[in-house]
Amino acid sequence: MRLNLGCGNDIRPGYVNVDSVGLDGVDVVHDLNEPLPFDTGTVDEVVAKDVLEHVQLIPVMRELHRVMRPGARLWMSSPHFSSTSLWIDPTHVTGFSVETMGFFCESSPFTQWPHYFDFKFARLESAKLVFHRYRGYPWNYAIEPWANRSPARQRWYEGSPLGRMFPASNIEATLIR
């Protein structure tokens, strides 16, 4: 089984499309802040595009960990903490760094805090800064590959004045259960 969480109008064939509103094509109407209506270890893949910023992150990640089988993949995209879109939508409760999803993983520099969560994903496969790419921001075509050259450069970018002058729009990350 593959889940498309918070699908809205992005209905994906071959996925169970889950949203809190019963729009056309939604297979399961469900509030993600409640326990997921899927059996333990039955999910092979989760797409969470522009949804994790709207929920209580830790309980939702715990539920995703529960329903995903070992080796399953979670792909997410959510607003970067420097993005203006993070603060425009009053339903957003969380902003993300390239390091945020690492807190949920065994093989992470954040394992020094094992008491944070009673669950762990196996690893963070990838984390990427994403920048708006259109005519009003031509410099982002150069900044995105430069900022994503290495994890060290991503961290430097986020903490530097450059990260405030040229804000990222989103974080994309993939976790392996």
N, C-alpha and C. Protein backbone atom coordinates (compact mmCIF):
# COMPACT_ATOMS: atom_id res chain seq x y z
N MET A 1 0.85 -1.18 0.00
CA MET A 1 0.00 0.00 0.00
C MET A 1 0.90 1.24 0.00
N ARG A 2 0.46 2.25 -0.77
CA ARG A 2 1.16 3.54 -0.82
C ARG A 2 0.17 4.62 -0.42
N LEU A 3 0.61 5.55 0.45
CA LEU A 3 -0.25 6.63 0.94
C LEU A 3 0.17 7.97 0.36
N ASN A 4 -0.81 8.78 0.02
CA ASN A 4 -0.60 10.17 -0.39
C ASN A 4 -1.32 11.02 0.65
N LEU A 5 -0.57 11.47 1.65
CA LEU A 5 -1.17 12.18 2.79
C LEU A 5 -1.43 13.64 2.48
N GLY A 6 -2.56 14.14 2.94
CA GLY A 6 -2.90 15.54 2.71
C GLY A 6 -2.96 15.86 1.24
N CYS A 7 -3.55 14.96 0.48
CA CYS A 7 -3.49 15.03 -0.98
C CYS A 7 -4.18 16.25 -1.58
N GLY A 8 -5.23 16.76 -0.94
CA GLY A 8 -5.97 17.86 -1.54
C GLY A 8 -6.44 17.47 -2.93
N ASN A 9 -6.10 18.28 -3.93
CA ASN A 9 -6.46 17.98 -5.32
C ASN A 9 -5.38 17.19 -6.06
N ASP A 10 -4.28 16.86 -5.39
CA ASP A 10 -3.18 16.10 -6.00
C ASP A 10 -3.47 14.60 -5.85
N ILE A 11 -4.44 14.12 -6.59
CA ILE A 11 -4.85 12.72 -6.52
C ILE A 11 -3.87 11.88 -7.34
N ARG A 12 -3.28 10.87 -6.70
CA ARG A 12 -2.26 10.05 -7.36
C ARG A 12 -2.80 8.64 -7.57
N PRO A 13 -2.85 8.20 -8.83
CA PRO A 13 -3.26 6.82 -9.12
C PRO A 13 -2.30 5.83 -8.45
N GLY A 14 -2.84 4.75 -7.93
CA GLY A 14 -2.01 3.75 -7.29
C GLY A 14 -1.71 4.03 -5.83
N TYR A 15 -2.20 5.14 -5.32
CA TYR A 15 -2.02 5.51 -3.92
C TYR A 15 -3.38 5.54 -3.23
N VAL A 16 -3.37 5.37 -1.92
CA VAL A 16 -4.54 5.67 -1.11
C VAL A 16 -4.41 7.16 -0.80
N ASN A 17 -5.29 7.96 -1.36
CA ASN A 17 -5.25 9.41 -1.22
C ASN A 17 -6.02 9.81 0.03
N VAL A 18 -5.31 10.43 0.97
CA VAL A 18 -5.86 10.75 2.28
C VAL A 18 -5.89 12.26 2.46
N ASP A 19 -7.02 12.78 2.90
CA ASP A 19 -7.14 14.21 3.18
C ASP A 19 -8.19 14.41 4.26
N SER A 20 -8.14 15.57 4.92
CA SER A 20 -9.13 15.87 5.96
C SER A 20 -10.45 16.35 5.37
N VAL A 21 -10.47 16.60 4.05
CA VAL A 21 -11.68 17.07 3.37
C VAL A 21 -12.02 16.07 2.27
N GLY A 22 -13.30 15.76 2.12
CA GLY A 22 -13.74 14.78 1.13
C GLY A 22 -13.82 15.34 -0.27
N LEU A 23 -12.71 15.77 -0.83
CA LEU A 23 -12.67 16.28 -2.19
C LEU A 23 -12.79 15.13 -3.18
N ASP A 24 -13.08 15.44 -4.43
CA ASP A 24 -13.14 14.41 -5.47
C ASP A 24 -11.82 13.66 -5.54
N GLY A 25 -11.87 12.34 -5.52
CA GLY A 25 -10.68 11.51 -5.63
C GLY A 25 -10.07 11.12 -4.30
N VAL A 26 -10.49 11.73 -3.20
CA VAL A 26 -9.96 11.36 -1.88
C VAL A 26 -10.55 10.01 -1.51
N ASP A 27 -9.66 9.07 -1.17
CA ASP A 27 -10.10 7.72 -0.81
C ASP A 27 -10.46 7.61 0.67
N VAL A 28 -9.71 8.28 1.52
CA VAL A 28 -9.92 8.21 2.97
C VAL A 28 -9.95 9.63 3.52
N VAL A 29 -11.06 10.00 4.13
CA VAL A 29 -11.17 11.30 4.80
C VAL A 29 -10.73 11.08 6.25
N HIS A 30 -9.65 11.79 6.64
CA HIS A 30 -9.08 11.52 7.96
C HIS A 30 -8.27 12.72 8.45
N ASP A 31 -8.41 13.05 9.72
CA ASP A 31 -7.60 14.08 10.37
C ASP A 31 -6.27 13.44 10.77
N LEU A 32 -5.17 13.91 10.20
CA LEU A 32 -3.87 13.30 10.46
C LEU A 32 -3.39 13.46 11.89
N ASN A 33 -4.02 14.34 12.66
CA ASN A 33 -3.67 14.47 14.07
C ASN A 33 -4.29 13.36 14.91
N GLU A 34 -5.05 12.49 14.29
CA GLU A 34 -5.63 11.32 14.96
C GLU A 34 -4.89 10.07 14.48
N PRO A 35 -4.94 8.97 15.26
CA PRO A 35 -4.27 7.73 14.81
C PRO A 35 -4.71 7.33 13.40
N LEU A 36 -3.76 6.89 12.61
CA LEU A 36 -4.04 6.51 11.22
C LEU A 36 -4.87 5.23 11.16
N PRO A 37 -5.83 5.16 10.22
CA PRO A 37 -6.71 4.00 10.13
C PRO A 37 -6.13 2.87 9.27
N PHE A 38 -4.84 2.59 9.47
CA PHE A 38 -4.17 1.55 8.70
C PHE A 38 -3.46 0.61 9.66
N ASP A 39 -3.36 -0.66 9.28
CA ASP A 39 -2.72 -1.65 10.13
C ASP A 39 -1.22 -1.42 10.22
N THR A 40 -0.64 -1.88 11.31
CA THR A 40 0.79 -1.77 11.56
C THR A 40 1.58 -2.52 10.48
N GLY A 41 2.60 -1.87 9.95
CA GLY A 41 3.52 -2.49 9.00
C GLY A 41 2.95 -2.83 7.64
N THR A 42 1.94 -2.08 7.18
CA THR A 42 1.29 -2.40 5.91
C THR A 42 1.59 -1.42 4.79
N VAL A 43 2.33 -0.36 5.07
CA VAL A 43 2.55 0.70 4.09
C VAL A 43 3.97 0.62 3.54
N ASP A 44 4.08 0.66 2.20
CA ASP A 44 5.37 0.59 1.52
C ASP A 44 5.97 1.95 1.21
N GLU A 45 5.11 2.95 1.05
CA GLU A 45 5.58 4.28 0.64
C GLU A 45 4.58 5.32 1.12
N VAL A 46 5.11 6.47 1.55
CA VAL A 46 4.27 7.60 1.96
C VAL A 46 4.77 8.85 1.24
N VAL A 47 3.85 9.57 0.64
CA VAL A 47 4.12 10.89 0.09
C VAL A 47 3.41 11.89 1.00
N ALA A 48 4.17 12.86 1.51
CA ALA A 48 3.61 13.89 2.39
C ALA A 48 4.04 15.25 1.83
N LYS A 49 3.35 15.68 0.79
CA LYS A 49 3.69 16.94 0.11
C LYS A 49 2.85 18.07 0.69
N ASP A 50 3.52 19.04 1.28
CA ASP A 50 2.87 20.23 1.82
C ASP A 50 1.78 19.89 2.82
N VAL A 51 2.07 18.96 3.73
CA VAL A 51 1.09 18.60 4.76
C VAL A 51 1.67 18.55 6.17
N LEU A 52 2.93 18.15 6.34
CA LEU A 52 3.47 17.98 7.69
C LEU A 52 3.57 19.30 8.47
N GLU A 53 3.61 20.40 7.77
CA GLU A 53 3.64 21.70 8.46
C GLU A 53 2.31 22.05 9.12
N HIS A 54 1.26 21.30 8.78
CA HIS A 54 -0.09 21.57 9.31
C HIS A 54 -0.46 20.72 10.51
N VAL A 55 0.39 19.78 10.91
CA VAL A 55 0.01 18.79 11.93
C VAL A 55 0.95 18.86 13.13
N GLN A 56 0.57 18.16 14.19
CA GLN A 56 1.47 17.98 15.32
C GLN A 56 2.49 16.92 14.90
N LEU A 57 3.70 17.35 14.57
CA LEU A 57 4.67 16.54 13.86
C LEU A 57 5.05 15.24 14.57
N ILE A 58 5.36 15.30 15.84
CA ILE A 58 5.87 14.10 16.52
C ILE A 58 4.83 12.98 16.56
N PRO A 59 3.58 13.22 16.97
CA PRO A 59 2.60 12.14 16.93
C PRO A 59 2.35 11.60 15.52
N VAL A 60 2.36 12.47 14.51
CA VAL A 60 2.15 12.01 13.13
C VAL A 60 3.32 11.15 12.69
N MET A 61 4.54 11.55 12.99
CA MET A 61 5.70 10.74 12.62
C MET A 61 5.67 9.39 13.34
N ARG A 62 5.23 9.37 14.59
CA ARG A 62 5.10 8.11 15.33
C ARG A 62 4.11 7.19 14.61
N GLU A 63 2.98 7.74 14.17
CA GLU A 63 1.97 6.95 13.46
C GLU A 63 2.48 6.47 12.11
N LEU A 64 3.19 7.32 11.40
CA LEU A 64 3.77 6.90 10.12
C LEU A 64 4.75 5.76 10.33
N HIS A 65 5.59 5.88 11.35
CA HIS A 65 6.53 4.82 11.68
C HIS A 65 5.78 3.52 11.96
N ARG A 66 4.68 3.60 12.68
CA ARG A 66 3.89 2.41 13.02
C ARG A 66 3.33 1.72 11.78
N VAL A 67 2.73 2.48 10.86
CA VAL A 67 2.06 1.85 9.72
C VAL A 67 3.01 1.44 8.61
N MET A 68 4.21 2.00 8.59
CA MET A 68 5.17 1.67 7.53
C MET A 68 5.89 0.36 7.86
N ARG A 69 6.13 -0.45 6.84
CA ARG A 69 6.91 -1.68 7.02
C ARG A 69 8.40 -1.31 7.04
N PRO A 70 9.25 -2.16 7.63
CA PRO A 70 10.70 -1.90 7.57
C PRO A 70 11.16 -1.77 6.12
N GLY A 71 11.96 -0.77 5.84
CA GLY A 71 12.45 -0.51 4.49
C GLY A 71 11.56 0.42 3.67
N ALA A 72 10.37 0.72 4.19
CA ALA A 72 9.46 1.62 3.48
C ALA A 72 10.04 3.03 3.44
N ARG A 73 9.59 3.80 2.47
CA ARG A 73 10.12 5.14 2.21
C ARG A 73 9.04 6.20 2.48
N LEU A 74 9.46 7.26 3.20
CA LEU A 74 8.62 8.45 3.42
C LEU A 74 9.28 9.61 2.71
N TRP A 75 8.58 10.20 1.72
CA TRP A 75 9.07 11.39 1.06
C TRP A 75 8.20 12.56 1.50
N MET A 76 8.85 13.63 1.92
CA MET A 76 8.11 14.81 2.38
C MET A 76 8.66 16.08 1.76
N SER A 77 7.77 17.06 1.65
CA SER A 77 8.15 18.40 1.23
C SER A 77 7.31 19.37 2.05
N SER A 78 7.99 20.29 2.72
CA SER A 78 7.31 21.28 3.57
C SER A 78 8.12 22.57 3.57
N PRO A 79 7.50 23.68 4.01
CA PRO A 79 8.21 24.97 3.97
C PRO A 79 9.46 25.02 4.84
N HIS A 80 10.49 25.60 4.27
CA HIS A 80 11.72 25.88 5.00
C HIS A 80 11.42 26.97 6.02
N PHE A 81 12.14 26.97 7.13
CA PHE A 81 11.88 27.97 8.18
C PHE A 81 12.09 29.41 7.73
N SER A 82 12.85 29.63 6.65
CA SER A 82 13.08 31.00 6.17
C SER A 82 12.08 31.44 5.11
N SER A 83 11.21 30.54 4.70
CA SER A 83 10.26 30.84 3.64
C SER A 83 9.14 31.76 4.12
N THR A 84 8.81 32.77 3.31
CA THR A 84 7.69 33.64 3.68
C THR A 84 6.37 32.87 3.66
N SER A 85 6.28 31.81 2.85
CA SER A 85 5.02 31.05 2.81
C SER A 85 4.76 30.31 4.12
N LEU A 86 5.80 30.07 4.91
CA LEU A 86 5.60 29.44 6.21
C LEU A 86 4.72 30.32 7.10
N TRP A 87 4.93 31.62 7.03
CA TRP A 87 4.26 32.52 7.96
C TRP A 87 2.98 33.12 7.39
N ILE A 88 2.70 32.95 6.11
CA ILE A 88 1.48 33.49 5.50
C ILE A 88 0.27 32.66 5.90
N ASP A 89 0.40 31.36 5.91
CA ASP A 89 -0.73 30.45 6.18
C ASP A 89 -0.89 30.27 7.69
N PRO A 90 -2.02 30.71 8.27
CA PRO A 90 -2.21 30.59 9.71
C PRO A 90 -2.41 29.16 10.19
N THR A 91 -2.55 28.19 9.28
CA THR A 91 -2.69 26.80 9.69
C THR A 91 -1.35 26.08 9.80
N HIS A 92 -0.26 26.76 9.46
CA HIS A 92 1.07 26.15 9.60
C HIS A 92 1.49 26.18 11.06
N VAL A 93 1.98 25.06 11.56
CA VAL A 93 2.44 24.98 12.95
C VAL A 93 3.93 24.64 13.06
N THR A 94 4.56 24.23 11.96
CA THR A 94 5.96 23.82 12.00
C THR A 94 6.68 24.28 10.74
N GLY A 95 7.89 24.80 10.92
CA GLY A 95 8.80 25.06 9.81
C GLY A 95 9.93 24.05 9.89
N PHE A 96 10.62 23.83 8.78
CA PHE A 96 11.61 22.76 8.71
C PHE A 96 12.98 23.28 8.32
N SER A 97 13.98 22.61 8.84
CA SER A 97 15.39 22.78 8.46
C SER A 97 15.81 21.53 7.71
N VAL A 98 16.95 21.56 7.04
CA VAL A 98 17.44 20.34 6.40
C VAL A 98 17.75 19.27 7.44
N GLU A 99 17.90 19.66 8.69
CA GLU A 99 18.22 18.70 9.74
C GLU A 99 17.01 18.20 10.53
N THR A 100 15.85 18.78 10.34
CA THR A 100 14.69 18.42 11.16
C THR A 100 14.38 16.94 11.11
N MET A 101 14.30 16.35 9.93
CA MET A 101 13.90 14.96 9.83
C MET A 101 14.95 14.00 10.38
N GLY A 102 16.19 14.45 10.48
CA GLY A 102 17.25 13.63 11.07
C GLY A 102 17.00 13.30 12.53
N PHE A 103 16.25 14.13 13.23
CA PHE A 103 15.93 13.87 14.62
C PHE A 103 15.17 12.56 14.79
N PHE A 104 14.51 12.10 13.73
CA PHE A 104 13.68 10.90 13.81
C PHE A 104 14.45 9.64 13.40
N CYS A 105 15.75 9.74 13.16
CA CYS A 105 16.51 8.62 12.59
C CYS A 105 17.56 8.06 13.53
N GLU A 106 17.79 6.74 13.42
CA GLU A 106 18.83 6.07 14.20
C GLU A 106 20.21 6.57 13.80
N SER A 107 20.49 6.60 12.50
CA SER A 107 21.80 6.99 12.00
C SER A 107 21.81 8.49 11.75
N SER A 108 21.92 9.24 12.83
CA SER A 108 21.82 10.69 12.76
C SER A 108 22.73 11.30 13.81
N PRO A 109 23.21 12.51 13.56
CA PRO A 109 23.99 13.18 14.61
C PRO A 109 23.14 13.50 15.84
N PHE A 110 21.84 13.36 15.72
CA PHE A 110 20.95 13.71 16.83
C PHE A 110 20.63 12.53 17.72
N THR A 111 21.32 11.39 17.53
CA THR A 111 21.05 10.22 18.37
C THR A 111 21.53 10.45 19.79
N GLN A 112 22.20 11.56 20.05
CA GLN A 112 22.59 11.89 21.42
C GLN A 112 21.37 12.19 22.28
N TRP A 113 20.21 12.35 21.64
CA TRP A 113 18.97 12.58 22.37
C TRP A 113 17.99 11.43 22.13
N PRO A 114 18.37 10.19 22.50
CA PRO A 114 17.50 9.06 22.19
C PRO A 114 16.19 9.10 22.95
N HIS A 115 16.14 9.87 24.01
CA HIS A 115 14.92 9.96 24.82
C HIS A 115 13.84 10.84 24.18
N TYR A 116 14.16 11.54 23.09
CA TYR A 116 13.18 12.41 22.44
C TYR A 116 11.95 11.64 21.97
N PHE A 117 12.19 10.48 21.35
CA PHE A 117 11.10 9.73 20.74
C PHE A 117 11.23 8.26 21.09
N ASP A 118 10.11 7.55 21.14
CA ASP A 118 10.10 6.11 21.42
C ASP A 118 10.08 5.30 20.12
N PHE A 119 10.48 5.92 19.02
CA PHE A 119 10.55 5.27 17.72
C PHE A 119 11.70 5.91 16.94
N LYS A 120 12.23 5.20 15.98
CA LYS A 120 13.30 5.74 15.12
C LYS A 120 13.16 5.16 13.73
N PHE A 121 13.30 6.00 12.72
CA PHE A 121 13.44 5.54 11.34
C PHE A 121 14.88 5.07 11.18
N ALA A 122 15.12 4.19 10.21
CA ALA A 122 16.47 3.63 10.03
C ALA A 122 17.46 4.70 9.60
N ARG A 123 17.04 5.55 8.64
CA ARG A 123 17.99 6.56 8.16
C ARG A 123 17.30 7.64 7.36
N LEU A 124 18.01 8.75 7.26
CA LEU A 124 17.61 9.85 6.39
C LEU A 124 18.35 9.63 5.08
N GLU A 125 17.60 9.29 4.04
CA GLU A 125 18.22 9.01 2.73
C GLU A 125 18.69 10.29 2.05
N SER A 126 17.89 11.36 2.17
CA SER A 126 18.27 12.62 1.53
C SER A 126 17.53 13.78 2.19
N ALA A 127 18.14 14.94 2.11
CA ALA A 127 17.51 16.19 2.54
C ALA A 127 18.01 17.29 1.62
N LYS A 128 17.10 18.08 1.10
CA LYS A 128 17.45 19.06 0.08
C LYS A 128 16.73 20.38 0.34
N LEU A 129 17.46 21.48 0.17
CA LEU A 129 16.87 22.81 0.16
C LEU A 129 16.29 23.06 -1.23
N VAL A 130 15.09 23.58 -1.29
CA VAL A 130 14.44 23.88 -2.57
C VAL A 130 14.16 25.38 -2.61
N PHE A 131 14.44 26.00 -3.75
CA PHE A 131 14.26 27.44 -3.91
C PHE A 131 13.24 27.70 -5.01
N HIS A 132 12.46 28.78 -4.85
CA HIS A 132 11.55 29.18 -5.93
C HIS A 132 12.36 29.41 -7.19
N ARG A 133 11.88 28.87 -8.30
CA ARG A 133 12.61 29.01 -9.57
C ARG A 133 11.66 29.58 -10.61
N TYR A 134 11.63 30.88 -10.70
CA TYR A 134 10.90 31.55 -11.77
C TYR A 134 11.54 32.90 -12.01
N ARG A 135 11.01 33.61 -12.99
CA ARG A 135 11.69 34.80 -13.50
C ARG A 135 11.98 35.86 -12.45
N GLY A 136 11.17 35.95 -11.42
CA GLY A 136 11.41 36.97 -10.39
C GLY A 136 12.61 36.66 -9.50
N TYR A 137 13.12 35.43 -9.54
CA TYR A 137 14.23 35.02 -8.69
C TYR A 137 15.28 34.26 -9.50
N PRO A 138 15.90 34.91 -10.49
CA PRO A 138 16.83 34.16 -11.35
C PRO A 138 18.06 33.64 -10.61
N TRP A 139 18.47 34.30 -9.52
CA TRP A 139 19.64 33.87 -8.78
C TRP A 139 19.44 32.51 -8.11
N ASN A 140 18.18 32.11 -7.89
CA ASN A 140 17.93 30.83 -7.24
C ASN A 140 18.36 29.64 -8.08
N TYR A 141 18.46 29.83 -9.39
CA TYR A 141 18.95 28.75 -10.25
C TYR A 141 20.39 28.41 -9.92
N ALA A 142 21.15 29.38 -9.42
CA ALA A 142 22.54 29.15 -9.03
C ALA A 142 22.66 28.80 -7.55
N ILE A 143 21.83 29.42 -6.71
CA ILE A 143 21.94 29.20 -5.27
C ILE A 143 21.56 27.78 -4.87
N GLU A 144 20.49 27.24 -5.47
CA GLU A 144 20.04 25.90 -5.05
C GLU A 144 21.12 24.83 -5.20
N PRO A 145 21.74 24.66 -6.35
CA PRO A 145 22.78 23.62 -6.43
C PRO A 145 23.99 23.94 -5.55
N TRP A 146 24.32 25.22 -5.41
CA TRP A 146 25.44 25.61 -4.56
C TRP A 146 25.15 25.24 -3.10
N ALA A 147 23.96 25.58 -2.61
CA ALA A 147 23.61 25.33 -1.21
C ALA A 147 23.49 23.85 -0.90
N ASN A 148 23.12 23.04 -1.89
CA ASN A 148 22.92 21.61 -1.68
C ASN A 148 24.14 20.76 -2.00
N ARG A 149 25.27 21.38 -2.21
CA ARG A 149 26.48 20.63 -2.58
C ARG A 149 26.88 19.62 -1.51
N SER A 150 26.64 19.93 -0.24
CA SER A 150 26.99 18.99 0.84
C SER A 150 26.14 19.33 2.06
N PRO A 151 25.98 18.37 2.99
CA PRO A 151 25.26 18.67 4.23
C PRO A 151 25.90 19.82 5.02
N ALA A 152 27.23 19.89 5.00
CA ALA A 152 27.91 20.99 5.71
C ALA A 152 27.54 22.34 5.09
N ARG A 153 27.48 22.39 3.76
CA ARG A 153 27.11 23.64 3.11
C ARG A 153 25.65 23.99 3.40
N GLN A 154 24.76 23.00 3.43
CA GLN A 154 23.36 23.25 3.76
C GLN A 154 23.26 23.89 5.15
N ARG A 155 23.97 23.32 6.13
CA ARG A 155 23.93 23.86 7.49
C ARG A 155 24.51 25.27 7.53
N TRP A 156 25.62 25.49 6.80
CA TRP A 156 26.22 26.83 6.77
C TRP A 156 25.23 27.83 6.17
N TYR A 157 24.61 27.47 5.05
CA TYR A 157 23.63 28.34 4.40
C TYR A 157 22.53 28.73 5.39
N GLU A 158 21.97 27.75 6.10
CA GLU A 158 20.85 28.04 7.00
C GLU A 158 21.22 28.99 8.13
N GLY A 159 22.47 28.94 8.57
CA GLY A 159 22.89 29.80 9.68
C GLY A 159 23.56 31.10 9.26
N SER A 160 23.69 31.32 7.97
CA SER A 160 24.43 32.49 7.50
C SER A 160 23.49 33.61 7.06
N PRO A 161 24.03 34.82 6.90
CA PRO A 161 23.21 35.92 6.36
C PRO A 161 22.70 35.61 4.95
N LEU A 162 23.43 34.79 4.19
CA LEU A 162 22.99 34.42 2.85
C LEU A 162 21.62 33.73 2.91
N GLY A 163 21.41 32.92 3.95
CA GLY A 163 20.14 32.24 4.11
C GLY A 163 18.98 33.19 4.39
N ARG A 164 19.28 34.37 4.90
CA ARG A 164 18.22 35.38 5.13
C ARG A 164 18.01 36.23 3.88
N MET A 165 19.10 36.48 3.16
CA MET A 165 18.99 37.29 1.95
C MET A 165 18.31 36.54 0.81
N PHE A 166 18.57 35.23 0.74
CA PHE A 166 18.02 34.38 -0.32
C PHE A 166 17.34 33.18 0.33
N PRO A 167 16.13 33.38 0.85
CA PRO A 167 15.47 32.29 1.59
C PRO A 167 15.08 31.12 0.70
N ALA A 168 15.20 29.93 1.27
CA ALA A 168 14.72 28.72 0.59
C ALA A 168 13.20 28.70 0.68
N SER A 169 12.57 27.98 -0.22
CA SER A 169 11.11 27.87 -0.16
C SER A 169 10.69 26.61 0.60
N ASN A 170 11.36 25.48 0.34
CA ASN A 170 10.93 24.22 0.93
C ASN A 170 12.13 23.36 1.32
N ILE A 171 11.81 22.34 2.07
CA ILE A 171 12.72 21.23 2.36
C ILE A 171 12.09 20.00 1.75
N GLU A 172 12.88 19.20 1.06
CA GLU A 172 12.44 17.89 0.61
C GLU A 172 13.34 16.88 1.31
N ALA A 173 12.75 15.85 1.88
CA ALA A 173 13.52 14.84 2.57
C ALA A 173 12.90 13.47 2.35
N THR A 174 13.74 12.45 2.39
CA THR A 174 13.29 11.07 2.29
C THR A 174 13.85 10.30 3.49
N LEU A 175 12.96 9.64 4.23
CA LEU A 175 13.33 8.80 5.34
C LEU A 175 13.03 7.35 4.98
N ILE A 176 13.87 6.46 5.49
CA ILE A 176 13.66 5.03 5.30
C ILE A 176 13.31 4.43 6.66
N ARG A 177 12.23 3.68 6.65
CA ARG A 177 11.76 3.04 7.89
C ARG A 177 12.64 1.84 8.19
